[in-house]
Amino acid sequence: MQTPTTLVLGASSNPERYSFLATHLLHEKGYAVYPFGIKKGQIGDIVILNEWPKAGTIDTVTLYVGPSGQVEYYDAIMGLSPRRIIFNPGTENEAFTMVAKQKGIETMDACTLVLLNTGQY
């Protein structure tokens, strides 16, 4: 059975970035991951993708882009119809949360790394 795919928005090849750590941990724990970033690079053997995924392929979007940087992705994220959006620390966005909830998308102000490490993902 294929595991649901998580889109990591703001993926970075910098090992000190939380998006790098989250992508690596998702992969390590067996989750399908779609690391999306504006810069090309790799996270271990995972290529950072610069092409937006197709609608219906993403279960969870985990954000590593601040609120002002999220604006340009609102429509694209909503077009994916994800089951949930995780707003990691520093990415919390009340306006976007309300839009997502109106579309029936679950939202969480949480840390993906903590969720993964505590079995709550």
C-alpha atoms as a PDB file:
ATOM      1  CA  MET A   1       0.000   0.000   0.000  1.00  0.00           C
ATOM      2  CA  GLN A   2       1.291   3.445  -0.975  1.00  0.00           C
ATOM      3  CA  THR A   3       1.627   5.850   1.955  1.00  0.00           C
ATOM      4  CA  PRO A   4      -0.012   9.257   1.652  1.00  0.00           C
ATOM      5  CA  THR A   5       2.320  11.896   0.218  1.00  0.00           C
ATOM      6  CA  THR A   6       3.467  14.935   2.176  1.00  0.00           C
ATOM      7  CA  LEU A   7       4.410  18.115   0.332  1.00  0.00           C
ATOM      8  CA  VAL A   8       7.216  19.930   2.155  1.00  0.00           C
ATOM      9  CA  LEU A   9       6.799  23.536   1.025  1.00  0.00           C
ATOM     10  CA  GLY A  10      10.073  25.399   1.404  1.00  0.00           C
ATOM     11  CA  ALA A  11      12.371  22.380   1.123  1.00  0.00           C
ATOM     12  CA  SER A  12      16.055  23.254   1.486  1.00  0.00           C
ATOM     13  CA  SER A  13      19.307  21.387   0.892  1.00  0.00           C
ATOM     14  CA  ASN A  14      20.794  23.130   3.956  1.00  0.00           C
ATOM     15  CA  PRO A  15      21.078  20.442   6.672  1.00  0.00           C
ATOM     16  CA  GLU A  16      20.548  23.075   9.370  1.00  0.00           C
ATOM     17  CA  ARG A  17      17.042  23.958   8.092  1.00  0.00           C
ATOM     18  CA  TYR A  18      13.985  22.344   9.626  1.00  0.00           C
ATOM     19  CA  SER A  19      12.555  21.615   6.167  1.00  0.00           C
ATOM     20  CA  PHE A  20      15.659  19.511   5.451  1.00  0.00           C
ATOM     21  CA  LEU A  21      15.263  17.634   8.734  1.00  0.00           C
ATOM     22  CA  ALA A  22      11.527  17.084   8.194  1.00  0.00           C
ATOM     23  CA  THR A  23      12.023  15.778   4.650  1.00  0.00           C
ATOM     24  CA  HIS A  24      14.740  13.416   5.833  1.00  0.00           C
ATOM     25  CA  LEU A  25      12.683  12.161   8.799  1.00  0.00           C
ATOM     26  CA  LEU A  26       9.508  11.694   6.731  1.00  0.00           C
ATOM     27  CA  HIS A  27      11.488   9.597   4.254  1.00  0.00           C
ATOM     28  CA  GLU A  28      13.259   7.674   7.031  1.00  0.00           C
ATOM     29  CA  LYS A  29       9.925   6.801   8.649  1.00  0.00           C
ATOM     30  CA  GLY A  30       8.532   5.506   5.350  1.00  0.00           C
ATOM     31  CA  TYR A  31       6.322   8.402   4.302  1.00  0.00           C
ATOM     32  CA  ALA A  32       6.167   9.426   0.662  1.00  0.00           C
ATOM     33  CA  VAL A  33       7.560  12.952   0.476  1.00  0.00           C
ATOM     34  CA  TYR A  34       7.425  15.665  -2.184  1.00  0.00           C
ATOM     35  CA  PRO A  35      10.057  18.262  -1.243  1.00  0.00           C
ATOM     36  CA  PHE A  36       9.186  21.464  -3.112  1.00  0.00           C
ATOM     37  CA  GLY A  37      11.646  24.336  -3.158  1.00  0.00           C
ATOM     38  CA  ILE A  38      12.626  27.282  -5.294  1.00  0.00           C
ATOM     39  CA  LYS A  39      16.287  26.225  -5.420  1.00  0.00           C
ATOM     40  CA  LYS A  40      17.508  22.983  -6.922  1.00  0.00           C
ATOM     41  CA  GLY A  41      19.312  20.616  -4.594  1.00  0.00           C
ATOM     42  CA  GLN A  42      19.108  17.366  -2.711  1.00  0.00           C
ATOM     43  CA  ILE A  43      18.281  16.148   0.747  1.00  0.00           C
ATOM     44  CA  GLY A  44      20.350  12.984   0.976  1.00  0.00           C
ATOM     45  CA  ASP A  45      19.291  11.029  -2.098  1.00  0.00           C
ATOM     46  CA  ILE A  46      15.981  12.934  -2.411  1.00  0.00           C
ATOM     47  CA  VAL A  47      15.862  15.569  -5.146  1.00  0.00           C
ATOM     48  CA  ILE A  48      14.219  18.892  -4.261  1.00  0.00           C
ATOM     49  CA  LEU A  49      11.487  19.377  -6.833  1.00  0.00           C
ATOM     50  CA  ASN A  50      10.746  22.675  -8.550  1.00  0.00           C
ATOM     51  CA  GLU A  51       7.601  21.525 -10.355  1.00  0.00           C
ATOM     52  CA  TRP A  52       4.272  21.789  -8.541  1.00  0.00           C
ATOM     53  CA  PRO A  53       2.580  18.401  -7.972  1.00  0.00           C
ATOM     54  CA  LYS A  54      -0.628  17.357  -9.679  1.00  0.00           C
ATOM     55  CA  ALA A  55      -3.972  17.810  -7.945  1.00  0.00           C
ATOM     56  CA  GLY A  56      -5.092  14.809  -5.922  1.00  0.00           C
ATOM     57  CA  THR A  57      -1.576  13.533  -5.199  1.00  0.00           C
ATOM     58  CA  ILE A  58      -0.913  15.255  -1.863  1.00  0.00           C
ATOM     59  CA  ASP A  59      -2.410  14.265   1.507  1.00  0.00           C
ATOM     60  CA  THR A  60      -0.542  16.702   3.754  1.00  0.00           C
ATOM     61  CA  VAL A  61       1.152  20.043   3.140  1.00  0.00           C
ATOM     62  CA  THR A  62       3.716  20.987   5.774  1.00  0.00           C
ATOM     63  CA  LEU A  63       4.781  24.614   5.598  1.00  0.00           C
ATOM     64  CA  TYR A  64       8.303  25.961   6.011  1.00  0.00           C
ATOM     65  CA  VAL A  65       7.526  29.312   4.386  1.00  0.00           C
ATOM     66  CA  GLY A  66       6.477  32.298   6.484  1.00  0.00           C
ATOM     67  CA  PRO A  67       3.027  33.872   6.174  1.00  0.00           C
ATOM     68  CA  SER A  68       4.068  36.560   3.668  1.00  0.00           C
ATOM     69  CA  GLY A  69       5.710  33.937   1.441  1.00  0.00           C
ATOM     70  CA  GLN A  70       2.652  31.695   1.588  1.00  0.00           C
ATOM     71  CA  VAL A  71       0.381  34.148  -0.229  1.00  0.00           C
ATOM     72  CA  GLU A  72       1.658  33.203  -3.684  1.00  0.00           C
ATOM     73  CA  TYR A  73       0.904  29.529  -2.915  1.00  0.00           C
ATOM     74  CA  TYR A  74      -2.652  29.871  -1.548  1.00  0.00           C
ATOM     75  CA  ASP A  75      -4.424  28.946  -4.793  1.00  0.00           C
ATOM     76  CA  ALA A  76      -1.908  26.236  -5.682  1.00  0.00           C
ATOM     77  CA  ILE A  77      -2.245  24.590  -2.255  1.00  0.00           C
ATOM     78  CA  MET A  78      -6.031  24.807  -2.349  1.00  0.00           C
ATOM     79  CA  GLY A  79      -5.917  23.285  -5.858  1.00  0.00           C
ATOM     80  CA  LEU A  80      -4.217  20.204  -4.412  1.00  0.00           C
ATOM     81  CA  SER A  81      -7.161  19.594  -2.057  1.00  0.00           C
ATOM     82  CA  PRO A  82      -4.944  18.198   0.700  1.00  0.00           C
ATOM     83  CA  ARG A  83      -6.480  16.510   3.728  1.00  0.00           C
ATOM     84  CA  ARG A  84      -4.466  18.738   6.066  1.00  0.00           C
ATOM     85  CA  ILE A  85      -2.002  21.609   6.287  1.00  0.00           C
ATOM     86  CA  ILE A  86       0.597  21.764   9.050  1.00  0.00           C
ATOM     87  CA  PHE A  87       1.724  25.253  10.034  1.00  0.00           C
ATOM     88  CA  ASN A  88       5.155  24.708  11.595  1.00  0.00           C
ATOM     89  CA  PRO A  89       6.457  27.208  14.180  1.00  0.00           C
ATOM     90  CA  GLY A  90       6.896  30.594  12.520  1.00  0.00           C
ATOM     91  CA  THR A  91       4.510  29.786   9.666  1.00  0.00           C
ATOM     92  CA  GLU A  92       1.237  30.213  11.572  1.00  0.00           C
ATOM     93  CA  ASN A  93      -1.234  32.163   9.442  1.00  0.00           C
ATOM     94  CA  GLU A  94      -4.742  32.864  10.726  1.00  0.00           C
ATOM     95  CA  ALA A  95      -6.040  34.135   7.367  1.00  0.00           C
ATOM     96  CA  PHE A  96      -4.840  31.077   5.442  1.00  0.00           C
ATOM     97  CA  THR A  97      -6.055  28.770   8.222  1.00  0.00           C
ATOM     98  CA  MET A  98      -9.574  30.215   7.879  1.00  0.00           C
ATOM     99  CA  VAL A  99      -9.539  29.774   4.078  1.00  0.00           C
ATOM    100  CA  ALA A 100      -8.399  26.162   4.424  1.00  0.00           C
ATOM    101  CA  LYS A 101     -11.004  25.343   7.077  1.00  0.00           C
ATOM    102  CA  GLN A 102     -13.752  26.823   4.881  1.00  0.00           C
ATOM    103  CA  LYS A 103     -12.675  24.331   2.191  1.00  0.00           C
ATOM    104  CA  GLY A 104     -12.873  21.455   4.700  1.00  0.00           C
ATOM    105  CA  ILE A 105      -9.107  21.094   5.081  1.00  0.00           C
ATOM    106  CA  GLU A 106      -7.779  20.186   8.526  1.00  0.00           C
ATOM    107  CA  THR A 107      -5.171  22.619   9.831  1.00  0.00           C
ATOM    108  CA  MET A 108      -2.637  22.222  12.623  1.00  0.00           C
ATOM    109  CA  ASP A 109      -0.292  24.675  14.282  1.00  0.00           C
ATOM    110  CA  ALA A 110       2.334  22.067  15.103  1.00  0.00           C
ATOM    111  CA  CYS A 111       5.893  20.958  14.486  1.00  0.00           C
ATOM    112  CA  THR A 112       6.198  18.187  11.915  1.00  0.00           C
ATOM    113  CA  LEU A 113       9.386  16.934  13.570  1.00  0.00           C
ATOM    114  CA  VAL A 114       7.668  16.624  16.953  1.00  0.00           C
ATOM    115  CA  LEU A 115       4.636  14.919  15.411  1.00  0.00           C
ATOM    116  CA  LEU A 116       6.896  12.392  13.678  1.00  0.00           C
ATOM    117  CA  ASN A 117       9.064  11.731  16.707  1.00  0.00           C
ATOM    118  CA  THR A 118       6.111  11.231  19.035  1.00  0.00           C
ATOM    119  CA  GLY A 119       4.058   8.995  16.733  1.00  0.00           C
ATOM    120  CA  GLN A 120       1.334  11.620  16.235  1.00  0.00           C
ATOM    121  CA  TYR A 121       1.930  12.254  12.536  1.00  0.00           C
END
